Each structure stands twice: as structure tokens, then as C-alpha cells.
PDB file of N, CA and C in Angstrom:
ATOM      1  N   MET A   1      31.638  54.696  45.848  1.00  0.00           N
ATOM      2  CA  MET A   1      30.468  55.810  46.506  1.00  0.00           C
ATOM      3  C   MET A   1      29.949  55.945  44.807  1.00  0.00           C
ATOM      4  N   LYS A   2      28.760  55.947  45.046  1.00  0.00           N
ATOM      5  CA  LYS A   2      27.436  56.336  43.792  1.00  0.00           C
ATOM      6  C   LYS A   2      27.114  57.528  44.037  1.00  0.00           C
ATOM      7  N   VAL A   3      28.095  58.349  43.462  1.00  0.00           N
ATOM      8  CA  VAL A   3      27.561  59.464  43.096  1.00  0.00           C
ATOM      9  C   VAL A   3      26.240  60.202  42.731  1.00  0.00           C
ATOM     10  N   LYS A   4      25.699  59.364  41.845  1.00  0.00           N
ATOM     11  CA  LYS A   4      24.647  59.584  41.323  1.00  0.00           C
ATOM     12  C   LYS A   4      23.330  59.633  42.179  1.00  0.00           C
ATOM     13  N   GLN A   5      23.636  58.724  43.294  1.00  0.00           N
ATOM     14  CA  GLN A   5      22.453  58.697  44.317  1.00  0.00           C
ATOM     15  C   GLN A   5      22.068  60.145  44.829  1.00  0.00           C
ATOM     16  N   PHE A   6      22.879  61.067  44.918  1.00  0.00           N
ATOM     17  CA  PHE A   6      23.115  62.567  45.510  1.00  0.00           C
ATOM     18  C   PHE A   6      22.776  63.576  44.185  1.00  0.00           C
ATOM     19  N   SER A   7      22.135  64.725  44.599  1.00  0.00           N
ATOM     20  CA  SER A   7      21.591  65.611  43.838  1.00  0.00           C
ATOM     21  C   SER A   7      22.563  67.069  44.216  1.00  0.00           C
ATOM     22  N   PHE A   8      23.595  67.280  42.965  1.00  0.00           N
ATOM     23  CA  PHE A   8      24.587  68.771  43.229  1.00  0.00           C
ATOM     24  C   PHE A   8      23.580  69.988  43.096  1.00  0.00           C
ATOM     25  N   ASP A   9      22.210  70.061  43.797  1.00  0.00           N
ATOM     26  CA  ASP A   9      21.578  71.451  43.715  1.00  0.00           C
ATOM     27  C   ASP A   9      22.798  72.690  44.127  1.00  0.00           C
ATOM     28  N   HIS A  10      23.493  72.383  44.950  1.00  0.00           N
ATOM     29  CA  HIS A  10      24.195  73.440  45.271  1.00  0.00           C
ATOM     30  C   HIS A  10      25.831  73.327  44.804  1.00  0.00           C
ATOM     31  N   LEU A  11      26.502  73.574  43.554  1.00  0.00           N
ATOM     32  CA  LEU A  11      27.607  73.909  43.581  1.00  0.00           C
ATOM     33  C   LEU A  11      28.291  74.884  44.254  1.00  0.00           C
ATOM     34  N   ASN A  12      29.482  74.261  44.799  1.00  0.00           N
ATOM     35  CA  ASN A  12      30.206  75.208  45.664  1.00  0.00           C
ATOM     36  C   ASN A  12      31.601  75.313  44.861  1.00  0.00           C
ATOM     37  N   SER A  13      32.800  75.829  45.183  1.00  0.00           N
ATOM     38  CA  SER A  13      33.891  76.183  44.691  1.00  0.00           C
ATOM     39  C   SER A  13      35.279  75.111  45.033  1.00  0.00           C
ATOM     40  N   SER A  14      35.991  74.798  44.261  1.00  0.00           N
ATOM     41  CA  SER A  14      36.999  73.939  44.653  1.00  0.00           C
ATOM     42  C   SER A  14      38.089  74.095  43.766  1.00  0.00           C
ATOM     43  N   MET A  15      39.161  74.410  44.106  1.00  0.00           N
ATOM     44  CA  MET A  15      40.593  74.824  43.551  1.00  0.00           C
ATOM     45  C   MET A  15      41.650  74.031  43.811  1.00  0.00           C
ATOM     46  N   VAL A  16      42.194  73.248  42.864  1.00  0.00           N
ATOM     47  CA  VAL A  16      43.680  72.204  43.191  1.00  0.00           C
ATOM     48  C   VAL A  16      44.949  73.082  42.417  1.00  0.00           C
ATOM     49  N   LEU A  17      46.304  73.142  43.053  1.00  0.00           N
ATOM     50  CA  LEU A  17      46.946  73.821  42.811  1.00  0.00           C
ATOM     51  C   LEU A  17      48.337  73.085  42.764  1.00  0.00           C
ATOM     52  N   CYS A  18      49.309  72.376  42.111  1.00  0.00           N
ATOM     53  CA  CYS A  18      50.459  71.603  42.626  1.00  0.00           C
ATOM     54  C   CYS A  18      51.794  72.936  42.209  1.00  0.00           C
ATOM     55  N   LEU A  19      52.570  72.772  43.320  1.00  0.00           N
ATOM     56  CA  LEU A  19      53.548  73.666  43.094  1.00  0.00           C
ATOM     57  C   LEU A  19      54.988  72.853  43.249  1.00  0.00           C
ATOM     58  N   GLU A  20      55.852  73.514  42.454  1.00  0.00           N
ATOM     59  CA  GLU A  20      57.070  72.606  42.893  1.00  0.00           C
ATOM     60  C   GLU A  20      57.997  73.484  43.357  1.00  0.00           C
ATOM     61  N   HIS A  21      58.910  72.898  44.264  1.00  0.00           N
ATOM     62  CA  HIS A  21      59.703  74.033  44.831  1.00  0.00           C
ATOM     63  C   HIS A  21      61.187  74.443  43.912  1.00  0.00           C
ATOM     64  N   MET A  22      61.369  75.851  43.475  1.00  0.00           N
ATOM     65  CA  MET A  22      62.269  76.227  42.878  1.00  0.00           C
ATOM     66  C   MET A  22      63.743  75.960  42.939  1.00  0.00           C
ATOM     67  N   SER A  23      63.758  76.369  44.068  1.00  0.00           N
ATOM     68  CA  SER A  23      65.463  75.390  44.190  1.00  0.00           C
ATOM     69  C   SER A  23      65.674  74.052  44.602  1.00  0.00           C
ATOM     70  N   SER A  24      64.582  73.466  44.403  1.00  0.00           N
ATOM     71  CA  SER A  24      64.617  72.037  45.330  1.00  0.00           C
ATOM     72  C   SER A  24      63.489  71.039  44.200  1.00  0.00           C
ATOM     73  N   PRO A  25      64.154  71.289  42.710  1.00  0.00           N
ATOM     74  CA  PRO A  25      63.392  70.560  41.656  1.00  0.00           C
ATOM     75  C   PRO A  25      62.520  68.916  41.862  1.00  0.00           C
ATOM     76  N   GLY A  26      61.451  68.777  42.053  1.00  0.00           N
ATOM     77  CA  GLY A  26      60.920  67.403  42.319  1.00  0.00           C
ATOM     78  C   GLY A  26      60.186  67.501  43.611  1.00  0.00           C
ATOM     79  N   HIS A  27      60.686  68.552  44.537  1.00  0.00           N
ATOM     80  CA  HIS A  27      59.508  68.896  45.817  1.00  0.00           C
ATOM     81  C   HIS A  27      58.552  69.330  45.048  1.00  0.00           C
ATOM     82  N   MET A  28      57.435  68.648  45.473  1.00  0.00           N
ATOM     83  CA  MET A  28      56.090  69.567  44.974  1.00  0.00           C
ATOM     84  C   MET A  28      55.065  69.612  46.388  1.00  0.00           C
ATOM     85  N   LEU A  29      54.013  70.459  45.982  1.00  0.00           N
ATOM     86  CA  LEU A  29      53.173  70.735  47.162  1.00  0.00           C
ATOM     87  C   LEU A  29      51.675  71.058  46.560  1.00  0.00           C
ATOM     88  N   LEU A  30      50.876  69.785  46.785  1.00  0.00           N
ATOM     89  CA  LEU A  30      49.667  69.968  46.336  1.00  0.00           C
ATOM     90  C   LEU A  30      48.724  71.040  47.246  1.00  0.00           C
ATOM     91  N   VAL A  31      48.275  72.166  46.644  1.00  0.00           N
ATOM     92  CA  VAL A  31      47.453  72.618  47.921  1.00  0.00           C
ATOM     93  C   VAL A  31      45.888  72.896  47.029  1.00  0.00           C
ATOM     94  N   ALA A  32      45.314  72.902  47.600  1.00  0.00           N
ATOM     95  CA  ALA A  32      43.492  72.393  47.557  1.00  0.00           C
ATOM     96  C   ALA A  32      42.658  73.513  48.078  1.00  0.00           C
ATOM     97  N   LYS A  33      42.081  74.097  48.056  1.00  0.00           N
ATOM     98  CA  LYS A  33      40.931  74.572  48.776  1.00  0.00           C
ATOM     99  C   LYS A  33      39.681  74.884  48.343  1.00  0.00           C
ATOM    100  N   THR A  34      38.555  74.645  49.218  1.00  0.00           N
ATOM    101  CA  THR A  34      37.120  74.312  48.889  1.00  0.00           C
ATOM    102  C   THR A  34      36.043  75.076  49.923  1.00  0.00           C
ATOM    103  N   HIS A  35      35.352  75.620  49.259  1.00  0.00           N
ATOM    104  CA  HIS A  35      33.998  76.266  49.979  1.00  0.00           C
ATOM    105  C   HIS A  35      32.921  75.094  50.053  1.00  0.00           C
ATOM    106  N   LEU A  36      32.517  74.504  51.437  1.00  0.00           N
ATOM    107  CA  LEU A  36      31.600  73.235  51.232  1.00  0.00           C
ATOM    108  C   LEU A  36      30.057  74.154  51.475  1.00  0.00           C
ATOM    109  N   TYR A  37      29.008  73.463  50.780  1.00  0.00           N
ATOM    110  CA  TYR A  37      27.805  73.969  51.091  1.00  0.00           C
ATOM    111  C   TYR A  37      27.239  73.974  52.733  1.00  0.00           C
ATOM    112  N   SER A  38      26.736  74.738  52.918  1.00  0.00           N
ATOM    113  CA  SER A  38      26.189  75.067  54.695  1.00  0.00           C
ATOM    114  C   SER A  38      24.725  74.935  54.540  1.00  0.00           C
ATOM    115  N   ASN A  39      24.455  73.707  54.958  1.00  0.00           N
ATOM    116  CA  ASN A  39      23.005  73.670  55.669  1.00  0.00           C
ATOM    117  C   ASN A  39      23.028  72.697  56.442  1.00  0.00           C
ATOM    118  N   LYS A  40      22.697  73.028  57.844  1.00  0.00           N
ATOM    119  CA  LYS A  40      22.535  71.878  58.757  1.00  0.00           C
ATOM    120  C   LYS A  40      21.420  70.642  58.294  1.00  0.00           C
ATOM    121  N   ALA A  41      20.619  71.130  57.850  1.00  0.00           N
ATOM    122  CA  ALA A  41      19.458  70.078  57.356  1.00  0.00           C
ATOM    123  C   ALA A  41      19.871  69.076  56.102  1.00  0.00           C
ATOM    124  N   LYS A  42      21.136  69.486  55.565  1.00  0.00           N
ATOM    125  CA  LYS A  42      21.447  68.598  54.576  1.00  0.00           C
ATOM    126  C   LYS A  42      23.135  68.352  54.899  1.00  0.00           C
ATOM    127  N   PRO A  43      23.540  67.590  55.745  1.00  0.00           N
ATOM    128  CA  PRO A  43      24.998  67.353  55.849  1.00  0.00           C
ATOM    129  C   PRO A  43      25.436  66.496  55.050  1.00  0.00           C
ATOM    130  N   GLU A  44      24.520  65.664  54.209  1.00  0.00           N
ATOM    131  CA  GLU A  44      25.415  64.563  53.543  1.00  0.00           C
ATOM    132  C   GLU A  44      25.944  65.540  52.499  1.00  0.00           C
ATOM    133  N   VAL A  45      25.114  66.783  51.711  1.00  0.00           N
ATOM    134  CA  VAL A  45      25.974  67.392  50.953  1.00  0.00           C
ATOM    135  C   VAL A  45      27.105  67.930  51.081  1.00  0.00           C
ATOM    136  N   ARG A  46      27.794  68.541  52.070  1.00  0.00           N
ATOM    137  CA  ARG A  46      28.918  68.375  52.566  1.00  0.00           C
ATOM    138  C   ARG A  46      29.695  67.278  52.280  1.00  0.00           C
ATOM    139  N   LEU A  47      29.453  66.403  53.177  1.00  0.00           N
ATOM    140  CA  LEU A  47      30.457  65.130  52.803  1.00  0.00           C
ATOM    141  C   LEU A  47      30.395  64.606  51.669  1.00  0.00           C
ATOM    142  N   LEU A  48      29.364  64.852  50.858  1.00  0.00           N
ATOM    143  CA  LEU A  48      29.803  64.430  49.389  1.00  0.00           C
ATOM    144  C   LEU A  48      30.981  65.195  48.638  1.00  0.00           C
ATOM    145  N   GLN A  49      30.790  66.426  49.057  1.00  0.00           N
ATOM    146  CA  GLN A  49      31.426  67.539  48.550  1.00  0.00           C
ATOM    147  C   GLN A  49      33.181  67.085  49.137  1.00  0.00           C
ATOM    148  N   ALA A  50      33.143  66.914  50.313  1.00  0.00           N
ATOM    149  CA  ALA A  50      34.506  66.764  50.815  1.00  0.00           C
ATOM    150  C   ALA A  50      35.432  65.102  50.591  1.00  0.00           C
ATOM    151  N   ALA A  51      34.418  64.470  50.095  1.00  0.00           N
ATOM    152  CA  ALA A  51      34.583  63.090  49.616  1.00  0.00           C
ATOM    153  C   ALA A  51      35.133  63.203  48.099  1.00  0.00           C
ATOM    154  N   VAL A  52      34.481  64.120  47.574  1.00  0.00           N
ATOM    155  CA  VAL A  52      34.700  64.141  45.818  1.00  0.00           C
ATOM    156  C   VAL A  52      36.120  64.930  45.562  1.00  0.00           C
ATOM    157  N   CYS A  53      35.930  66.180  46.878  1.00  0.00           N
ATOM    158  CA  CYS A  53      37.626  66.726  46.901  1.00  0.00           C
ATOM    159  C   CYS A  53      38.735  65.872  46.931  1.00  0.00           C
ATOM    160  N   THR A  54      38.683  65.035  47.949  1.00  0.00           N
ATOM    161  CA  THR A  54      39.885  63.814  48.445  1.00  0.00           C
ATOM    162  C   THR A  54      39.718  62.895  47.157  1.00  0.00           C
ATOM    163  N   HIS A  55      38.710  62.631  46.321  1.00  0.00           N
ATOM    164  CA  HIS A  55      38.912  61.637  45.475  1.00  0.00           C
ATOM    165  C   HIS A  55      39.630  62.616  44.438  1.00  0.00           C
ATOM    166  N   TYR A  56      39.075  63.615  44.136  1.00  0.00           N
ATOM    167  CA  TYR A  56      40.205  64.348  42.765  1.00  0.00           C
ATOM    168  C   TYR A  56      41.451  64.759  43.298  1.00  0.00           C
ATOM    169  N   MET A  57      41.625  65.231  44.289  1.00  0.00           N
ATOM    170  CA  MET A  57      43.054  64.823  44.853  1.00  0.00           C
ATOM    171  C   MET A  57      43.964  63.753  44.715  1.00  0.00           C
ATOM    172  N   ASP A  58      43.294  62.544  44.909  1.00  0.00           N
ATOM    173  CA  ASP A  58      43.632  61.450  44.691  1.00  0.00           C
ATOM    174  C   ASP A  58      44.070  61.198  43.458  1.00  0.00           C
ATOM    175  N   TYR A  59      42.922  61.524  42.752  1.00  0.00           N
ATOM    176  CA  TYR A  59      43.544  61.019  41.037  1.00  0.00           C
ATOM    177  C   TYR A  59      44.567  61.969  40.769  1.00  0.00           C
ATOM    178  N   ILE A  60      44.600  63.602  40.932  1.00  0.00           N
ATOM    179  CA  ILE A  60      45.688  64.154  40.408  1.00  0.00           C
ATOM    180  C   ILE A  60      46.883  63.369  40.994  1.00  0.00           C
ATOM    181  N   ILE A  61      47.240  63.362  42.205  1.00  0.00           N
ATOM    182  CA  ILE A  61      48.541  62.446  42.828  1.00  0.00           C
ATOM    183  C   ILE A  61      48.935  61.562  41.956  1.00  0.00           C
ATOM    184  N   LYS A  62      47.971  60.343  41.740  1.00  0.00           N
ATOM    185  CA  LYS A  62      48.047  59.318  40.816  1.00  0.00           C
ATOM    186  C   LYS A  62      48.074  59.258  39.623  1.00  0.00           C
ATOM    187  N   GLU A  63      47.822  60.271  38.806  1.00  0.00           N
ATOM    188  CA  GLU A  63      47.714  60.544  37.429  1.00  0.00           C
ATOM    189  C   GLU A  63      49.328  61.034  37.247  1.00  0.00           C
ATOM    190  N   GLN A  64      49.600  62.173  37.929  1.00  0.00           N
ATOM    191  CA  GLN A  64      50.979  63.011  37.875  1.00  0.00           C
ATOM    192  C   GLN A  64      51.930  62.091  38.568  1.00  0.00           C
ATOM    193  N   ASP A  65      52.020  61.099  38.951  1.00  0.00           N
ATOM    194  CA  ASP A  65      52.884  60.296  39.780  1.00  0.00           C
ATOM    195  C   ASP A  65      53.260  61.317  41.035  1.00  0.00           C
ATOM    196  N   LEU A  66      52.613  61.482  41.846  1.00  0.00           N
ATOM    197  CA  LEU A  66      53.306  62.144  42.794  1.00  0.00           C
ATOM    198  C   LEU A  66      53.114  61.963  44.358  1.00  0.00           C
ATOM    199  N   GLN A  67      53.107  60.741  44.570  1.00  0.00           N
ATOM    200  CA  GLN A  67      52.980  59.953  45.724  1.00  0.00           C
ATOM    201  C   GLN A  67      54.181  60.596  47.016  1.00  0.00           C
ATOM    202  N   SER A  68      54.844  61.231  46.526  1.00  0.00           N
ATOM    203  CA  SER A  68      55.806  61.650  47.833  1.00  0.00           C
ATOM    204  C   SER A  68      55.413  63.323  47.784  1.00  0.00           C
ATOM    205  N   THR A  69      54.399  63.527  47.508  1.00  0.00           N
ATOM    206  CA  THR A  69      53.885  65.390  47.386  1.00  0.00           C
ATOM    207  C   THR A  69      53.230  65.318  48.780  1.00  0.00           C
ATOM    208  N   GLY A  70      53.798  66.636  49.245  1.00  0.00           N
ATOM    209  CA  GLY A  70      52.741  66.827  50.267  1.00  0.00           C
ATOM    210  C   GLY A  70      51.748  67.734  49.949  1.00  0.00           C
ATOM    211  N   ILE A  71      51.103  67.659  51.099  1.00  0.00           N
ATOM    212  CA  ILE A  71      49.336  68.363  50.735  1.00  0.00           C
ATOM    213  C   ILE A  71      48.751  69.312  51.511  1.00  0.00           C
ATOM    214  N   LEU A  72      48.077  70.229  51.148  1.00  0.00           N
ATOM    215  CA  LEU A  72      47.634  71.586  52.038  1.00  0.00           C
ATOM    216  C   LEU A  72      46.275  71.618  51.741  1.00  0.00           C
ATOM    217  N   PHE A  73      45.508  71.096  52.507  1.00  0.00           N
ATOM    218  CA  PHE A  73      44.063  71.226  51.937  1.00  0.00           C
ATOM    219  C   PHE A  73      43.243  71.991  53.022  1.00  0.00           C
ATOM    220  N   CYS A  74      43.119  73.225  52.375  1.00  0.00           N
ATOM    221  CA  CYS A  74      42.198  74.596  53.155  1.00  0.00           C
ATOM    222  C   CYS A  74      40.648  74.409  52.698  1.00  0.00           C
ATOM    223  N   GLY A  75      39.759  74.815  54.103  1.00  0.00           N
ATOM    224  CA  GLY A  75      38.605  74.892  53.587  1.00  0.00           C
ATOM    225  C   GLY A  75      37.636  74.944  54.851  1.00  0.00           C
ATOM    226  N   ASP A  76      36.288  75.183  54.941  1.00  0.00           N
ATOM    227  CA  ASP A  76      35.612  75.389  56.130  1.00  0.00           C
ATOM    228  C   ASP A  76      35.066  73.718  56.578  1.00  0.00           C
ATOM    229  N   PHE A  77      36.080  73.469  57.023  1.00  0.00           N
ATOM    230  CA  PHE A  77      35.818  71.796  57.970  1.00  0.00           C
ATOM    231  C   PHE A  77      35.124  71.672  59.387  1.00  0.00           C
ATOM    232  N   ASN A  78      34.287  72.965  59.627  1.00  0.00           N
ATOM    233  CA  ASN A  78      33.923  73.408  60.978  1.00  0.00           C
ATOM    234  C   ASN A  78      32.775  72.487  61.575  1.00  0.00           C
ATOM    235  N   SER A  79      31.855  71.545  60.842  1.00  0.00           N
ATOM    236  CA  SER A  79      30.703  70.869  61.155  1.00  0.00           C
ATOM    237  C   SER A  79      31.087  69.520  61.510  1.00  0.00           C
ATOM    238  N   LEU A  80      30.533  68.879  62.447  1.00  0.00           N
ATOM    239  CA  LEU A  80      30.748  67.518  63.317  1.00  0.00           C
ATOM    240  C   LEU A  80      31.094  66.687  61.978  1.00  0.00           C
ATOM    241  N   PRO A  81      30.112  66.413  61.263  1.00  0.00           N
ATOM    242  CA  PRO A  81      30.132  65.496  60.396  1.00  0.00           C
ATOM    243  C   PRO A  81      31.246  65.306  59.395  1.00  0.00           C
ATOM    244  N   THR A  82      31.778  66.472  58.898  1.00  0.00           N
ATOM    245  CA  THR A  82      32.826  66.867  58.136  1.00  0.00           C
ATOM    246  C   THR A  82      34.403  66.526  58.664  1.00  0.00           C
ATOM    247  N   TYR A  83      34.221  67.065  59.850  1.00  0.00           N
ATOM    248  CA  TYR A  83      35.313  66.898  60.756  1.00  0.00           C
ATOM    249  C   TYR A  83      35.404  65.490  61.058  1.00  0.00           C
ATOM    250  N   LYS A  84      34.796  64.640  61.557  1.00  0.00           N
ATOM    251  CA  LYS A  84      34.654  63.251  61.655  1.00  0.00           C
ATOM    252  C   LYS A  84      35.390  62.345  60.365  1.00  0.00           C
ATOM    253  N   PHE A  85      34.831  62.769  59.238  1.00  0.00           N
ATOM    254  CA  PHE A  85      35.267  62.278  57.863  1.00  0.00           C
ATOM    255  C   PHE A  85      36.654  62.593  57.680  1.00  0.00           C
ATOM    256  N   PHE A  86      37.196  63.721  57.946  1.00  0.00           N
ATOM    257  CA  PHE A  86      38.588  64.471  57.690  1.00  0.00           C
ATOM    258  C   PHE A  86      39.694  63.474  58.831  1.00  0.00           C
ATOM    259  N   THR A  87      39.065  63.669  59.909  1.00  0.00           N
ATOM    260  CA  THR A  87      40.054  62.920  61.331  1.00  0.00           C
ATOM    261  C   THR A  87      40.020  61.463  61.398  1.00  0.00           C
ATOM    262  N   SER A  88      38.751  60.555  60.517  1.00  0.00           N
ATOM    263  CA  SER A  88      38.659  59.338  60.803  1.00  0.00           C
ATOM    264  C   SER A  88      39.205  58.490  59.949  1.00  0.00           C
ATOM    265  N   GLY A  89      38.853  59.020  58.798  1.00  0.00           N
ATOM    266  CA  GLY A  89      39.091  58.472  57.035  1.00  0.00           C
ATOM    267  C   GLY A  89      37.446  58.245  56.679  1.00  0.00           C
ATOM    268  N   THR A  90      36.492  57.870  57.269  1.00  0.00           N
ATOM    269  CA  THR A  90      35.326  57.530  56.877  1.00  0.00           C
ATOM    270  C   THR A  90      34.242  57.988  57.574  1.00  0.00           C
ATOM    271  N   TYR A  91      33.031  57.778  57.378  1.00  0.00           N
ATOM    272  CA  TYR A  91      31.947  58.679  57.759  1.00  0.00           C
ATOM    273  C   TYR A  91      30.742  58.099  57.419  1.00  0.00           C
ATOM    274  N   GLU A  92      30.019  57.114  58.222  1.00  0.00           N
ATOM    275  CA  GLU A  92      28.453  56.788  57.637  1.00  0.00           C
ATOM    276  C   GLU A  92      27.179  57.880  58.163  1.00  0.00           C
ATOM    277  N   TYR A  93      26.884  57.831  57.192  1.00  0.00           N
ATOM    278  CA  TYR A  93      25.531  58.720  57.103  1.00  0.00           C
ATOM    279  C   TYR A  93      24.486  58.270  57.251  1.00  0.00           C
ATOM    280  N   CYS A  94      23.233  58.171  57.932  1.00  0.00           N
ATOM    281  CA  CYS A  94      21.876  57.653  57.696  1.00  0.00           C
ATOM    282  C   CYS A  94      20.972  59.058  58.106  1.00  0.00           C
ATOM    283  N   PRO A  95      20.514  59.508  56.777  1.00  0.00           N
ATOM    284  CA  PRO A  95      19.194  60.313  57.099  1.00  0.00           C
ATOM    285  C   PRO A  95      18.229  59.819  57.962  1.00  0.00           C
ATOM    286  N   ASN A  96      17.523  61.174  58.741  1.00  0.00           N
ATOM    287  CA  ASN A  96      16.371  60.845  59.488  1.00  0.00           C
ATOM    288  C   ASN A  96      15.670  59.839  58.982  1.00  0.00           C
ATOM    289  N   SER A  97      15.105  60.582  57.954  1.00  0.00           N
ATOM    290  CA  SER A  97      13.728  59.943  56.887  1.00  0.00           C
ATOM    291  C   SER A  97      14.149  58.700  56.022  1.00  0.00           C
ATOM    292  N   SER A  98      15.299  58.289  56.472  1.00  0.00           N
ATOM    293  CA  SER A  98      15.403  56.871  55.628  1.00  0.00           C
ATOM    294  C   SER A  98      16.619  55.706  55.996  1.00  0.00           C
ATOM    295  N   SER A  99      15.952  54.813  55.834  1.00  0.00           N
ATOM    296  CA  SER A  99      16.561  53.729  56.367  1.00  0.00           C
ATOM    297  C   SER A  99      18.073  53.156  55.555  1.00  0.00           C
ATOM    298  N   SER A 100      18.413  53.720  54.368  1.00  0.00           N
ATOM    299  CA  SER A 100      19.508  54.339  53.912  1.00  0.00           C
ATOM    300  C   SER A 100      20.588  54.700  54.589  1.00  0.00           C
ATOM    301  N   LYS A 101      21.569  53.687  54.222  1.00  0.00           N
ATOM    302  CA  LYS A 101      23.224  54.305  54.964  1.00  0.00           C
ATOM    303  C   LYS A 101      23.989  54.630  53.943  1.00  0.00           C
ATOM    304  N   TYR A 102      24.720  56.041  54.077  1.00  0.00           N
ATOM    305  CA  TYR A 102      25.800  56.348  52.866  1.00  0.00           C
ATOM    306  C   TYR A 102      27.163  56.395  53.724  1.00  0.00           C
ATOM    307  N   LYS A 103      28.084  55.715  53.371  1.00  0.00           N
ATOM    308  CA  LYS A 103      29.376  55.509  53.697  1.00  0.00           C
ATOM    309  C   LYS A 103      30.410  56.366  52.887  1.00  0.00           C
ATOM    310  N   PHE A 104      30.917  57.686  53.555  1.00  0.00           N
ATOM    311  CA  PHE A 104      31.815  58.366  52.752  1.00  0.00           C
ATOM    312  C   PHE A 104      33.336  57.913  53.244  1.00  0.00           C
ATOM    313  N   GLU A 105      34.370  57.781  52.318  1.00  0.00           N
ATOM    314  CA  GLU A 105      35.362  57.251  52.701  1.00  0.00           C
ATOM    315  C   GLU A 105      36.621  58.351  51.944  1.00  0.00           C
ATOM    316  N   PHE A 106      37.827  58.670  52.983  1.00  0.00           N
ATOM    317  CA  PHE A 106      38.673  59.572  52.949  1.00  0.00           C
ATOM    318  C   PHE A 106      39.511  58.621  51.646  1.00  0.00           C
ATOM    319  N   TYR A 107      39.858  59.553  50.708  1.00  0.00           N
ATOM    320  CA  TYR A 107      40.942  58.744  49.461  1.00  0.00           C
ATOM    321  C   TYR A 107      42.013  59.076  49.667  1.00  0.00           C
ATOM    322  N   LEU A 108      42.792  60.252  50.198  1.00  0.00           N
ATOM    323  CA  LEU A 108      44.216  60.155  50.254  1.00  0.00           C
ATOM    324  C   LEU A 108      45.078  59.413  51.336  1.00  0.00           C
TER     325      LEU A 108
END
């Protein structure tokens, strides 16, 4: 993914927290939440934000050696492109005014 192709004019929030079960040390849960940019005219911004979130969670899991960690990802994933991205693992986006295609891939 070439993040430089997109502009982050609208920065929204995202938070990631890793919890360890107190009575079962080593049993981890990665909890993430996000609020994605909402604009029907720019679905690529939501898709990019969703892709960046999954990429960051994947980075944390690999960096902290948490491969068997459970994941709870919360957010406003109610737009069709974002929903398709999360359910299929990939989404190709082609803006109406462009012949360029952007492919977003799910990292987890």
C-alpha cells in the first residue's frame, strides 16, 4: 500500500490496547477501536483508515510476539466498501474520476 498517494485531510481517532488475563498469564486480548471518517463522496479515506488500523494491529501482534492473541476490533464499519473490506480481506477501489485502481488488503 502506498500511503503517500492519499491525503489525510481528516484525521480521526484510533486506539489499541493489549490486555492480559489476570488469572491466566499469557492469555492476551488485543482491543482496538476506531472512528472512521464519514463522507460518501470519499469512501477511499475510510478504506485507507481501516487498512492502516489493521496494519498497525498486525504490527503490534508481530512486534510483541502475540500471534495467539484474541482480537476485538470495534468501530463504525457500516459503509459497504468498509464492510466488504473486513469480510473479504481485500477491496479494490476505482474513483469515478480516475482510471487508477487502489487495492486495500486486510492485514490480520
